[in-house]
Amino acid sequence: MNVAKWVILAVFALPILELAAFVAVAAAIGFGWALSLILVGSLCGALILRHAGTGHVARIRVAMDNGSFAALQTDLGGGRMLLAGILLLIPGFITDIIALILLVGLRHTFPSAVPRQDDGVVDLTREQWHQVPEPSLPDHRKDERGR
């Protein structure tokens, strides 16, 4: 069997395995607690994607615009963070366990748990920045005022 067939088999088997895992956990701790764990996992995935996903997507865009594929290869931590967020967002215990393994591995690889890249992308809120004129460029505002 080639890799594509294994991937297709895994995609079709995952929902069945997730349902079996949910039934087993619900039988052990109760339906309400199992459902609460699923919802908390999905909420954590959404928060991870919201926090780390936007910066990583911006770094990917900058790297693609500059043609710097080496920057994409060195940004393994950001890719793991995105994958963990996506897996947590998918409801199920199996995907949550895989996501937690990725996050624990990420924490050991990157002690800050949020890798930073020196690729020129700086994430700032609207209140944290303002435009500064470039001194080497001509100032067209003087021409508009008639001076």
N, C-alpha and C. Protein backbone atom coordinates (compact mmCIF):
# COMPACT_ATOMS: atom_id res chain seq x y z
N MET A 1 0.84 -1.19 0.00
CA MET A 1 0.00 0.00 0.00
C MET A 1 0.88 1.25 0.00
N ASN A 2 0.56 2.19 -0.86
CA ASN A 2 1.35 3.41 -0.87
C ASN A 2 0.83 4.40 0.18
N VAL A 3 1.50 5.50 0.32
CA VAL A 3 1.20 6.47 1.37
C VAL A 3 -0.18 7.10 1.19
N ALA A 4 -0.57 7.38 -0.04
CA ALA A 4 -1.87 8.00 -0.29
C ALA A 4 -3.02 7.11 0.21
N LYS A 5 -2.89 5.82 0.01
CA LYS A 5 -3.95 4.92 0.47
C LYS A 5 -4.02 4.91 2.00
N TRP A 6 -2.86 4.97 2.67
CA TRP A 6 -2.86 5.02 4.13
C TRP A 6 -3.48 6.31 4.65
N VAL A 7 -3.21 7.40 3.97
CA VAL A 7 -3.78 8.69 4.38
C VAL A 7 -5.29 8.67 4.21
N ILE A 8 -5.76 8.16 3.09
CA ILE A 8 -7.21 8.08 2.85
C ILE A 8 -7.86 7.16 3.89
N LEU A 9 -7.24 6.03 4.18
CA LEU A 9 -7.76 5.12 5.19
C LEU A 9 -7.82 5.79 6.56
N ALA A 10 -6.79 6.54 6.91
CA ALA A 10 -6.76 7.24 8.20
C ALA A 10 -7.85 8.31 8.27
N VAL A 11 -8.07 9.02 7.17
CA VAL A 11 -9.10 10.06 7.15
C VAL A 11 -10.49 9.46 7.35
N PHE A 12 -10.73 8.31 6.74
CA PHE A 12 -12.04 7.66 6.89
C PHE A 12 -12.18 6.96 8.25
N ALA A 13 -11.09 6.47 8.81
CA ALA A 13 -11.14 5.75 10.09
C ALA A 13 -11.18 6.70 11.28
N LEU A 14 -10.67 7.92 11.14
CA LEU A 14 -10.59 8.83 12.28
C LEU A 14 -11.94 9.13 12.91
N PRO A 15 -12.98 9.45 12.16
CA PRO A 15 -14.27 9.71 12.83
C PRO A 15 -14.79 8.50 13.62
N ILE A 16 -14.60 7.32 13.09
CA ILE A 16 -15.06 6.12 13.79
C ILE A 16 -14.24 5.92 15.07
N LEU A 17 -12.93 6.11 14.98
CA LEU A 17 -12.08 5.98 16.16
C LEU A 17 -12.39 7.06 17.19
N GLU A 18 -12.65 8.28 16.72
CA GLU A 18 -13.00 9.38 17.64
C GLU A 18 -14.31 9.08 18.37
N LEU A 19 -15.28 8.54 17.65
CA LEU A 19 -16.56 8.19 18.27
C LEU A 19 -16.38 7.09 19.31
N ALA A 20 -15.57 6.10 18.98
CA ALA A 20 -15.30 5.01 19.93
C ALA A 20 -14.58 5.55 21.17
N ALA A 21 -13.63 6.45 20.97
CA ALA A 21 -12.92 7.04 22.11
C ALA A 21 -13.86 7.88 22.97
N PHE A 22 -14.77 8.61 22.32
CA PHE A 22 -15.73 9.42 23.08
C PHE A 22 -16.65 8.53 23.91
N VAL A 23 -17.13 7.45 23.32
CA VAL A 23 -18.00 6.53 24.06
C VAL A 23 -17.25 5.93 25.25
N ALA A 24 -15.99 5.56 25.05
CA ALA A 24 -15.21 4.98 26.14
C ALA A 24 -14.98 5.99 27.26
N VAL A 25 -14.64 7.23 26.91
CA VAL A 25 -14.41 8.26 27.93
C VAL A 25 -15.72 8.62 28.61
N ALA A 26 -16.82 8.71 27.85
CA ALA A 26 -18.12 9.03 28.44
C ALA A 26 -18.57 7.93 29.39
N ALA A 27 -18.27 6.67 29.07
CA ALA A 27 -18.61 5.57 29.97
C ALA A 27 -17.79 5.63 31.25
N ALA A 28 -16.56 6.13 31.15
CA ALA A 28 -15.68 6.18 32.32
C ALA A 28 -15.97 7.37 33.23
N ILE A 29 -16.20 8.55 32.66
CA ILE A 29 -16.34 9.75 33.49
C ILE A 29 -17.72 10.40 33.39
N GLY A 30 -18.55 9.95 32.48
CA GLY A 30 -19.87 10.53 32.32
C GLY A 30 -19.97 11.36 31.05
N PHE A 31 -21.16 11.40 30.49
CA PHE A 31 -21.37 12.09 29.22
C PHE A 31 -21.12 13.59 29.33
N GLY A 32 -21.61 14.20 30.39
CA GLY A 32 -21.45 15.65 30.56
C GLY A 32 -20.00 16.08 30.65
N TRP A 33 -19.21 15.33 31.44
CA TRP A 33 -17.79 15.65 31.57
C TRP A 33 -17.05 15.42 30.26
N ALA A 34 -17.39 14.34 29.57
CA ALA A 34 -16.72 14.05 28.29
C ALA A 34 -17.03 15.16 27.28
N LEU A 35 -18.29 15.58 27.23
CA LEU A 35 -18.67 16.66 26.31
C LEU A 35 -17.98 17.97 26.70
N SER A 36 -17.87 18.21 28.00
CA SER A 36 -17.17 19.42 28.46
C SER A 36 -15.70 19.41 28.05
N LEU A 37 -15.05 18.25 28.15
CA LEU A 37 -13.66 18.15 27.73
C LEU A 37 -13.51 18.42 26.23
N ILE A 38 -14.43 17.91 25.45
CA ILE A 38 -14.40 18.15 24.00
C ILE A 38 -14.54 19.64 23.71
N LEU A 39 -15.49 20.29 24.39
CA LEU A 39 -15.71 21.73 24.16
C LEU A 39 -14.51 22.57 24.62
N VAL A 40 -13.92 22.21 25.74
CA VAL A 40 -12.75 22.94 26.23
C VAL A 40 -11.58 22.77 25.26
N GLY A 41 -11.40 21.57 24.74
CA GLY A 41 -10.34 21.33 23.76
C GLY A 41 -10.52 22.16 22.50
N SER A 42 -11.76 22.23 22.03
CA SER A 42 -12.02 23.03 20.83
C SER A 42 -11.82 24.52 21.10
N LEU A 43 -12.20 24.98 22.27
CA LEU A 43 -11.99 26.38 22.64
C LEU A 43 -10.49 26.69 22.71
N CYS A 44 -9.72 25.78 23.29
CA CYS A 44 -8.26 25.97 23.35
C CYS A 44 -7.66 26.02 21.95
N GLY A 45 -8.15 25.17 21.06
CA GLY A 45 -7.67 25.19 19.67
C GLY A 45 -7.97 26.52 18.99
N ALA A 46 -9.17 27.04 19.23
CA ALA A 46 -9.52 28.34 18.64
C ALA A 46 -8.63 29.45 19.19
N LEU A 47 -8.35 29.40 20.49
CA LEU A 47 -7.49 30.43 21.09
C LEU A 47 -6.06 30.32 20.57
N ILE A 48 -5.56 29.11 20.41
CA ILE A 48 -4.20 28.94 19.88
C ILE A 48 -4.13 29.46 18.45
N LEU A 49 -5.12 29.13 17.64
CA LEU A 49 -5.12 29.62 16.26
C LEU A 49 -5.25 31.13 16.20
N ARG A 50 -6.05 31.68 17.09
CA ARG A 50 -6.22 33.13 17.08
C ARG A 50 -4.94 33.84 17.54
N HIS A 51 -4.28 33.27 18.55
CA HIS A 51 -3.09 33.91 19.10
C HIS A 51 -1.86 33.71 18.21
N ALA A 52 -1.59 32.47 17.85
CA ALA A 52 -0.36 32.16 17.13
C ALA A 52 -0.55 32.08 15.63
N GLY A 53 -1.76 31.81 15.19
CA GLY A 53 -2.00 31.59 13.77
C GLY A 53 -1.80 32.81 12.90
N THR A 54 -2.23 33.98 13.36
CA THR A 54 -2.15 35.17 12.52
C THR A 54 -0.71 35.57 12.26
N GLY A 55 0.14 35.50 13.29
CA GLY A 55 1.55 35.85 13.11
C GLY A 55 2.25 34.87 12.19
N HIS A 56 1.93 33.60 12.33
CA HIS A 56 2.58 32.59 11.50
C HIS A 56 2.14 32.73 10.04
N VAL A 57 0.88 33.00 9.80
CA VAL A 57 0.40 33.19 8.44
C VAL A 57 1.06 34.41 7.82
N ALA A 58 1.26 35.47 8.61
CA ALA A 58 1.94 36.66 8.09
C ALA A 58 3.39 36.34 7.74
N ARG A 59 4.06 35.53 8.57
CA ARG A 59 5.43 35.14 8.26
C ARG A 59 5.50 34.30 6.99
N ILE A 60 4.52 33.43 6.79
CA ILE A 60 4.48 32.63 5.56
C ILE A 60 4.31 33.53 4.35
N ARG A 61 3.42 34.52 4.46
CA ARG A 61 3.20 35.45 3.33
C ARG A 61 4.48 36.22 2.99
N VAL A 62 5.18 36.71 4.03
CA VAL A 62 6.41 37.47 3.78
C VAL A 62 7.45 36.57 3.15
N ALA A 63 7.58 35.35 3.66
CA ALA A 63 8.58 34.42 3.12
C ALA A 63 8.25 34.06 1.67
N MET A 64 6.98 33.88 1.36
CA MET A 64 6.59 33.55 -0.02
C MET A 64 6.79 34.75 -0.94
N ASP A 65 6.50 35.95 -0.45
CA ASP A 65 6.71 37.15 -1.27
C ASP A 65 8.19 37.37 -1.57
N ASN A 66 9.04 37.08 -0.59
CA ASN A 66 10.48 37.25 -0.78
C ASN A 66 11.13 36.07 -1.46
N GLY A 67 10.39 34.99 -1.65
CA GLY A 67 10.96 33.78 -2.25
C GLY A 67 11.91 33.07 -1.32
N SER A 68 11.77 33.27 -0.03
CA SER A 68 12.66 32.69 0.96
C SER A 68 12.07 31.40 1.52
N PHE A 69 12.31 30.32 0.82
CA PHE A 69 11.79 29.04 1.27
C PHE A 69 12.58 28.49 2.45
N ALA A 70 13.79 28.97 2.65
CA ALA A 70 14.58 28.55 3.81
C ALA A 70 13.93 29.05 5.10
N ALA A 71 13.31 30.22 5.04
CA ALA A 71 12.60 30.74 6.22
C ALA A 71 11.41 29.86 6.57
N LEU A 72 10.75 29.30 5.57
CA LEU A 72 9.65 28.40 5.85
C LEU A 72 10.13 27.10 6.47
N GLN A 73 11.28 26.63 6.04
CA GLN A 73 11.81 25.38 6.57
C GLN A 73 12.28 25.53 8.00
N THR A 74 12.77 26.70 8.38
CA THR A 74 13.26 26.90 9.74
C THR A 74 12.15 27.25 10.72
N ASP A 75 10.95 27.51 10.23
CA ASP A 75 9.83 27.88 11.09
C ASP A 75 9.02 26.66 11.50
N LEU A 76 9.69 25.64 11.97
CA LEU A 76 9.04 24.39 12.35
C LEU A 76 8.13 24.59 13.55
N GLY A 77 8.53 25.41 14.49
CA GLY A 77 7.73 25.63 15.69
C GLY A 77 6.39 26.27 15.39
N GLY A 78 6.38 27.24 14.50
CA GLY A 78 5.12 27.88 14.13
C GLY A 78 4.19 26.92 13.41
N GLY A 79 4.75 26.07 12.58
CA GLY A 79 3.94 25.06 11.89
C GLY A 79 3.35 24.06 12.86
N ARG A 80 4.15 23.66 13.86
CA ARG A 80 3.63 22.75 14.88
C ARG A 80 2.52 23.40 15.68
N MET A 81 2.69 24.68 15.98
CA MET A 81 1.67 25.40 16.74
C MET A 81 0.36 25.47 15.95
N LEU A 82 0.45 25.77 14.66
CA LEU A 82 -0.75 25.81 13.82
C LEU A 82 -1.40 24.44 13.73
N LEU A 83 -0.62 23.40 13.52
CA LEU A 83 -1.16 22.05 13.42
C LEU A 83 -1.82 21.63 14.74
N ALA A 84 -1.19 21.96 15.85
CA ALA A 84 -1.78 21.64 17.16
C ALA A 84 -3.09 22.38 17.35
N GLY A 85 -3.15 23.65 16.95
CA GLY A 85 -4.40 24.40 17.06
C GLY A 85 -5.51 23.82 16.21
N ILE A 86 -5.17 23.41 15.00
CA ILE A 86 -6.17 22.80 14.11
C ILE A 86 -6.65 21.48 14.69
N LEU A 87 -5.71 20.67 15.20
CA LEU A 87 -6.11 19.38 15.78
C LEU A 87 -6.95 19.55 17.03
N LEU A 88 -6.65 20.56 17.84
CA LEU A 88 -7.48 20.82 19.02
C LEU A 88 -8.86 21.32 18.63
N LEU A 89 -8.94 22.05 17.54
CA LEU A 89 -10.22 22.58 17.09
C LEU A 89 -11.16 21.46 16.62
N ILE A 90 -10.60 20.40 16.08
CA ILE A 90 -11.40 19.26 15.64
C ILE A 90 -11.89 18.52 16.89
N PRO A 91 -13.20 18.32 17.03
CA PRO A 91 -13.69 17.65 18.24
C PRO A 91 -13.27 16.18 18.27
N GLY A 92 -12.70 15.78 19.39
CA GLY A 92 -12.32 14.38 19.57
C GLY A 92 -11.12 14.26 20.48
N PHE A 93 -11.04 13.12 21.16
CA PHE A 93 -9.97 12.91 22.11
C PHE A 93 -8.67 12.49 21.44
N ILE A 94 -8.75 11.76 20.35
CA ILE A 94 -7.54 11.30 19.67
C ILE A 94 -6.78 12.49 19.09
N THR A 95 -7.48 13.38 18.39
CA THR A 95 -6.82 14.56 17.83
C THR A 95 -6.31 15.48 18.93
N ASP A 96 -7.03 15.55 20.06
CA ASP A 96 -6.57 16.38 21.18
C ASP A 96 -5.27 15.83 21.77
N ILE A 97 -5.16 14.51 21.89
CA ILE A 97 -3.95 13.91 22.42
C ILE A 97 -2.77 14.15 21.48
N ILE A 98 -3.01 14.02 20.18
CA ILE A 98 -1.94 14.29 19.21
C ILE A 98 -1.50 15.76 19.29
N ALA A 99 -2.48 16.66 19.44
CA ALA A 99 -2.16 18.09 19.56
C ALA A 99 -1.36 18.38 20.82
N LEU A 100 -1.74 17.74 21.92
CA LEU A 100 -0.99 17.95 23.16
C LEU A 100 0.44 17.42 23.05
N ILE A 101 0.62 16.30 22.35
CA ILE A 101 1.97 15.79 22.13
C ILE A 101 2.78 16.79 21.31
N LEU A 102 2.15 17.38 20.30
CA LEU A 102 2.85 18.41 19.51
C LEU A 102 3.20 19.61 20.36
N LEU A 103 2.28 20.05 21.23
CA LEU A 103 2.55 21.21 22.06
C LEU A 103 3.62 20.93 23.11
N VAL A 104 3.62 19.73 23.68
CA VAL A 104 4.66 19.38 24.66
C VAL A 104 6.02 19.31 23.96
N GLY A 105 6.06 18.72 22.78
CA GLY A 105 7.31 18.69 22.01
C GLY A 105 7.75 20.09 21.64
N LEU A 106 6.80 20.96 21.34
CA LEU A 106 7.10 22.35 21.00
C LEU A 106 7.67 23.08 22.21
N ARG A 107 7.13 22.79 23.37
CA ARG A 107 7.60 23.46 24.58
C ARG A 107 9.04 23.06 24.90
N HIS A 108 9.38 21.79 24.64
CA HIS A 108 10.76 21.35 24.90
C HIS A 108 11.72 21.89 23.83
N THR A 109 11.22 22.04 22.62
CA THR A 109 12.07 22.57 21.55
C THR A 109 12.27 24.07 21.70
N PHE A 110 11.17 24.78 22.00
CA PHE A 110 11.19 26.23 22.15
C PHE A 110 10.70 26.55 23.56
N PRO A 111 11.58 26.94 24.46
CA PRO A 111 11.16 27.18 25.85
C PRO A 111 10.08 28.25 25.99
N SER A 112 10.05 29.21 25.11
CA SER A 112 9.02 30.25 25.22
C SER A 112 7.68 29.76 24.69
N ALA A 113 7.65 28.61 24.02
CA ALA A 113 6.45 27.99 23.43
C ALA A 113 5.87 28.81 22.28
N VAL A 114 6.40 29.99 22.04
CA VAL A 114 5.99 30.77 20.87
C VAL A 114 7.26 31.17 20.15
N PRO A 115 7.60 30.46 19.07
CA PRO A 115 8.85 30.76 18.39
C PRO A 115 8.80 32.13 17.71
N ARG A 116 9.93 32.80 17.73
CA ARG A 116 10.04 34.10 17.06
C ARG A 116 11.03 33.98 15.93
N GLN A 117 10.68 34.54 14.79
CA GLN A 117 11.53 34.49 13.62
C GLN A 117 12.03 35.90 13.31
N ASP A 118 13.24 35.99 12.82
CA ASP A 118 13.79 37.28 12.43
C ASP A 118 13.57 37.45 10.93
N ASP A 119 12.30 37.58 10.54
CA ASP A 119 11.97 37.70 9.12
C ASP A 119 11.35 39.05 8.77
N GLY A 120 11.38 39.99 9.72
CA GLY A 120 10.88 41.32 9.43
C GLY A 120 9.41 41.52 9.76
N VAL A 121 8.71 40.49 10.21
CA VAL A 121 7.30 40.62 10.56
C VAL A 121 7.21 40.93 12.05
N VAL A 122 6.56 42.05 12.36
CA VAL A 122 6.35 42.45 13.74
C VAL A 122 4.85 42.58 13.95
N ASP A 123 4.31 41.84 14.90
CA ASP A 123 2.89 41.90 15.18
C ASP A 123 2.62 42.98 16.22
N LEU A 124 1.94 44.05 15.81
CA LEU A 124 1.60 45.14 16.70
C LEU A 124 0.11 45.41 16.62
N THR A 125 -0.45 45.89 17.72
CA THR A 125 -1.84 46.33 17.67
C THR A 125 -1.87 47.74 17.09
N ARG A 126 -3.03 48.21 16.75
CA ARG A 126 -3.18 49.52 16.13
C ARG A 126 -2.65 50.65 17.02
N GLU A 127 -2.77 50.48 18.33
CA GLU A 127 -2.32 51.52 19.26
C GLU A 127 -0.81 51.54 19.42
N GLN A 128 -0.11 50.51 18.98
CA GLN A 128 1.32 50.41 19.21
C GLN A 128 2.17 50.95 18.07
N TRP A 129 1.59 51.45 17.02
CA TRP A 129 2.41 51.92 15.91
C TRP A 129 1.92 53.26 15.40
N HIS A 130 2.81 53.95 14.73
CA HIS A 130 2.48 55.17 14.02
C HIS A 130 3.45 55.31 12.85
N GLN A 131 3.07 56.08 11.86
CA GLN A 131 3.89 56.22 10.66
C GLN A 131 4.98 57.25 10.89
N VAL A 132 6.19 56.88 10.52
CA VAL A 132 7.34 57.77 10.64
C VAL A 132 7.84 58.05 9.23
N PRO A 133 8.00 59.33 8.86
CA PRO A 133 8.46 59.63 7.50
C PRO A 133 9.90 59.17 7.28
N GLU A 134 10.17 58.69 6.10
CA GLU A 134 11.51 58.23 5.73
C GLU A 134 12.32 59.47 5.32
N PRO A 135 13.45 59.75 5.97
CA PRO A 135 14.21 60.97 5.67
C PRO A 135 14.82 60.98 4.27
N SER A 136 15.04 59.82 3.68
CA SER A 136 15.66 59.80 2.35
C SER A 136 14.65 60.07 1.23
N LEU A 137 13.36 60.06 1.53
CA LEU A 137 12.33 60.31 0.51
C LEU A 137 11.93 61.78 0.55
N PRO A 138 11.55 62.34 -0.60
CA PRO A 138 11.13 63.75 -0.61
C PRO A 138 9.81 63.90 0.15
N ASP A 139 9.67 65.02 0.83
CA ASP A 139 8.46 65.30 1.60
C ASP A 139 7.48 66.04 0.69
N HIS A 140 6.44 65.35 0.25
CA HIS A 140 5.46 65.93 -0.67
C HIS A 140 4.45 66.81 0.05
N ARG A 141 4.41 66.77 1.36
CA ARG A 141 3.47 67.61 2.09
C ARG A 141 3.83 69.08 1.95
N LYS A 142 5.12 69.39 1.83
CA LYS A 142 5.53 70.79 1.68
C LYS A 142 5.05 71.33 0.34
N ASP A 143 5.05 70.50 -0.70
CA ASP A 143 4.60 70.94 -2.01
C ASP A 143 3.10 71.19 -2.02
N GLU A 144 2.32 70.40 -1.29
CA GLU A 144 0.87 70.55 -1.25
C GLU A 144 0.45 71.83 -0.54
N ARG A 145 1.23 72.29 0.42
CA ARG A 145 0.89 73.50 1.15
C ARG A 145 1.33 74.76 0.42
N GLY A 146 2.06 74.60 -0.67
CA GLY A 146 2.47 75.76 -1.45
C GLY A 146 3.80 76.34 -1.03
N ARG A 147 4.57 75.64 -0.28
CA ARG A 147 5.88 76.16 0.16
C ARG A 147 6.99 75.62 -0.65
